[in-house]
């Protein structure tokens, strides 16, 4: 992923100042991201965020 370029699969996340997850850069055509993810064998964004929360804790 190039700096400031939109993400295709939404795999790069950080935390907002309020501590909530947010994409590090925008997700291209966010309405279609789960379809793109499924095409390459990834789960949904919601499932991914749950995995991240379990792996890194909800701080």
N, C-alpha and C. Protein backbone atom coordinates (compact mmCIF):
# COMPACT_ATOMS: atom_id res chain seq x y z
N UNK A 1 0.84 -1.17 0.00
CA UNK A 1 0.00 0.00 0.00
C UNK A 1 0.88 1.24 0.00
N UNK A 2 0.67 2.11 -0.93
CA UNK A 2 1.43 3.36 -1.01
C UNK A 2 0.86 4.37 0.00
N UNK A 3 1.70 5.23 0.53
CA UNK A 3 1.21 6.22 1.49
C UNK A 3 0.07 7.05 0.91
N UNK A 4 -0.97 7.23 1.70
CA UNK A 4 -2.14 8.04 1.35
C UNK A 4 -2.97 7.48 0.19
N UNK A 5 -2.68 6.27 -0.27
CA UNK A 5 -3.50 5.64 -1.29
C UNK A 5 -4.59 4.81 -0.60
N UNK A 6 -5.78 4.73 -1.18
CA UNK A 6 -6.83 3.93 -0.55
C UNK A 6 -6.48 2.45 -0.52
N UNK A 7 -6.96 1.78 0.50
CA UNK A 7 -6.75 0.34 0.65
C UNK A 7 -7.81 -0.42 -0.15
N UNK A 8 -7.44 -1.55 -0.68
CA UNK A 8 -8.42 -2.39 -1.38
C UNK A 8 -9.14 -3.34 -0.43
N UNK A 9 -8.42 -3.87 0.57
CA UNK A 9 -8.96 -4.93 1.41
C UNK A 9 -9.19 -4.52 2.86
N UNK A 10 -8.80 -3.33 3.24
CA UNK A 10 -9.04 -2.86 4.59
C UNK A 10 -8.28 -3.62 5.66
N UNK A 11 -7.02 -3.93 5.40
CA UNK A 11 -6.24 -4.72 6.35
C UNK A 11 -5.37 -3.86 7.27
N UNK A 12 -5.25 -2.57 6.99
CA UNK A 12 -4.38 -1.69 7.78
C UNK A 12 -5.24 -0.81 8.68
N UNK A 13 -5.17 -1.08 9.99
CA UNK A 13 -6.00 -0.36 10.95
C UNK A 13 -5.15 0.21 12.06
N UNK A 14 -5.64 1.27 12.66
CA UNK A 14 -5.04 1.88 13.83
C UNK A 14 -6.16 2.27 14.78
N UNK A 15 -5.85 3.15 15.72
CA UNK A 15 -6.86 3.61 16.67
C UNK A 15 -7.06 5.11 16.52
N UNK A 16 -8.30 5.52 16.64
CA UNK A 16 -8.62 6.94 16.65
C UNK A 16 -8.18 7.53 17.99
N UNK A 17 -8.16 8.85 18.13
CA UNK A 17 -7.83 9.45 19.43
C UNK A 17 -8.76 8.96 20.55
N UNK A 18 -9.97 8.56 20.19
CA UNK A 18 -10.92 8.06 21.18
C UNK A 18 -10.70 6.58 21.49
N UNK A 19 -9.71 5.95 20.80
CA UNK A 19 -9.41 4.55 21.06
C UNK A 19 -10.21 3.56 20.24
N UNK A 20 -10.97 4.06 19.27
CA UNK A 20 -11.75 3.18 18.42
C UNK A 20 -10.96 2.82 17.17
N UNK A 21 -11.20 1.61 16.61
CA UNK A 21 -10.47 1.24 15.40
C UNK A 21 -10.86 2.12 14.22
N UNK A 22 -9.87 2.46 13.41
CA UNK A 22 -10.12 3.22 12.19
C UNK A 22 -9.09 2.82 11.15
N UNK A 23 -9.49 2.83 9.88
CA UNK A 23 -8.52 2.47 8.83
C UNK A 23 -7.39 3.50 8.79
N UNK A 24 -6.17 3.03 8.55
CA UNK A 24 -5.02 3.96 8.48
C UNK A 24 -5.14 4.87 7.28
N UNK A 25 -5.69 4.37 6.20
CA UNK A 25 -6.04 5.20 5.04
C UNK A 25 -7.44 4.77 4.61
N UNK A 26 -8.06 5.57 3.78
CA UNK A 26 -9.42 5.27 3.33
C UNK A 26 -9.47 3.91 2.65
N UNK A 27 -10.64 3.29 2.69
CA UNK A 27 -10.86 2.03 2.00
C UNK A 27 -11.57 2.34 0.68
N UNK A 28 -10.97 1.92 -0.41
CA UNK A 28 -11.55 2.17 -1.73
C UNK A 28 -12.90 1.49 -1.86
N UNK A 29 -13.89 2.24 -2.32
CA UNK A 29 -15.25 1.72 -2.54
C UNK A 29 -15.66 0.81 -1.38
N UNK A 30 -15.76 1.41 -0.21
CA UNK A 30 -15.98 0.66 1.03
C UNK A 30 -17.22 -0.23 0.97
N UNK A 31 -18.22 0.16 0.20
CA UNK A 31 -19.43 -0.66 0.09
C UNK A 31 -19.14 -2.03 -0.54
N UNK A 32 -18.05 -2.14 -1.29
CA UNK A 32 -17.71 -3.39 -1.98
C UNK A 32 -16.54 -4.14 -1.35
N UNK A 33 -16.03 -3.65 -0.23
CA UNK A 33 -14.81 -4.23 0.34
C UNK A 33 -15.00 -5.70 0.74
N UNK A 34 -16.14 -6.06 1.28
CA UNK A 34 -16.33 -7.46 1.69
C UNK A 34 -16.37 -8.40 0.48
N UNK A 35 -16.84 -7.92 -0.64
CA UNK A 35 -16.85 -8.72 -1.87
C UNK A 35 -15.41 -8.93 -2.35
N UNK A 36 -14.60 -7.86 -2.34
CA UNK A 36 -13.18 -8.00 -2.73
C UNK A 36 -12.46 -8.93 -1.77
N UNK A 37 -12.73 -8.78 -0.47
CA UNK A 37 -12.07 -9.63 0.53
C UNK A 37 -12.43 -11.10 0.30
N UNK A 38 -13.69 -11.39 0.05
CA UNK A 38 -14.12 -12.76 -0.18
C UNK A 38 -13.44 -13.36 -1.41
N UNK A 39 -13.24 -12.55 -2.43
CA UNK A 39 -12.62 -13.03 -3.67
C UNK A 39 -11.18 -13.51 -3.47
N UNK A 40 -10.53 -13.01 -2.42
CA UNK A 40 -9.14 -13.42 -2.14
C UNK A 40 -9.05 -14.28 -0.88
N UNK A 41 -10.19 -14.75 -0.39
CA UNK A 41 -10.19 -15.67 0.74
C UNK A 41 -10.17 -15.03 2.12
N UNK A 42 -10.47 -13.75 2.20
CA UNK A 42 -10.52 -13.06 3.49
C UNK A 42 -11.95 -13.00 4.00
N UNK A 43 -12.10 -12.92 5.31
CA UNK A 43 -13.43 -12.75 5.91
C UNK A 43 -13.90 -11.31 5.78
N UNK A 44 -15.04 -11.02 6.35
CA UNK A 44 -15.60 -9.67 6.30
C UNK A 44 -14.79 -8.71 7.16
N UNK A 45 -14.99 -7.43 6.92
CA UNK A 45 -14.35 -6.40 7.75
C UNK A 45 -14.79 -6.58 9.20
N UNK A 46 -16.08 -6.82 9.44
CA UNK A 46 -16.55 -6.99 10.82
C UNK A 46 -15.84 -8.14 11.52
N UNK A 47 -15.70 -9.26 10.83
CA UNK A 47 -15.01 -10.41 11.42
C UNK A 47 -13.55 -10.07 11.69
N UNK A 48 -12.91 -9.35 10.77
CA UNK A 48 -11.51 -8.96 10.93
C UNK A 48 -11.33 -8.06 12.15
N UNK A 49 -12.23 -7.11 12.33
CA UNK A 49 -12.13 -6.22 13.48
C UNK A 49 -12.32 -6.98 14.80
N UNK A 50 -13.17 -7.98 14.79
CA UNK A 50 -13.33 -8.81 15.99
C UNK A 50 -12.04 -9.57 16.28
N UNK A 51 -11.40 -10.09 15.23
CA UNK A 51 -10.12 -10.79 15.40
C UNK A 51 -9.05 -9.85 15.95
N UNK A 52 -9.00 -8.63 15.43
CA UNK A 52 -8.01 -7.67 15.92
C UNK A 52 -8.27 -7.35 17.39
N UNK A 53 -9.53 -7.17 17.74
CA UNK A 53 -9.87 -6.89 19.12
C UNK A 53 -9.46 -8.02 20.04
N UNK A 54 -9.65 -9.26 19.61
CA UNK A 54 -9.27 -10.41 20.42
C UNK A 54 -7.75 -10.52 20.53
N UNK A 55 -7.04 -10.23 19.43
CA UNK A 55 -5.59 -10.38 19.42
C UNK A 55 -4.89 -9.27 20.23
N UNK A 56 -5.41 -8.07 20.16
CA UNK A 56 -4.71 -6.94 20.77
C UNK A 56 -5.44 -6.35 21.97
N UNK A 57 -6.58 -6.90 22.29
CA UNK A 57 -7.33 -6.41 23.43
C UNK A 57 -8.02 -5.10 23.13
N UNK A 58 -9.01 -4.83 23.88
CA UNK A 58 -9.75 -3.57 23.71
C UNK A 58 -9.24 -2.59 24.75
N UNK A 59 -8.31 -1.77 24.33
CA UNK A 59 -7.67 -0.84 25.25
C UNK A 59 -8.32 0.49 25.22
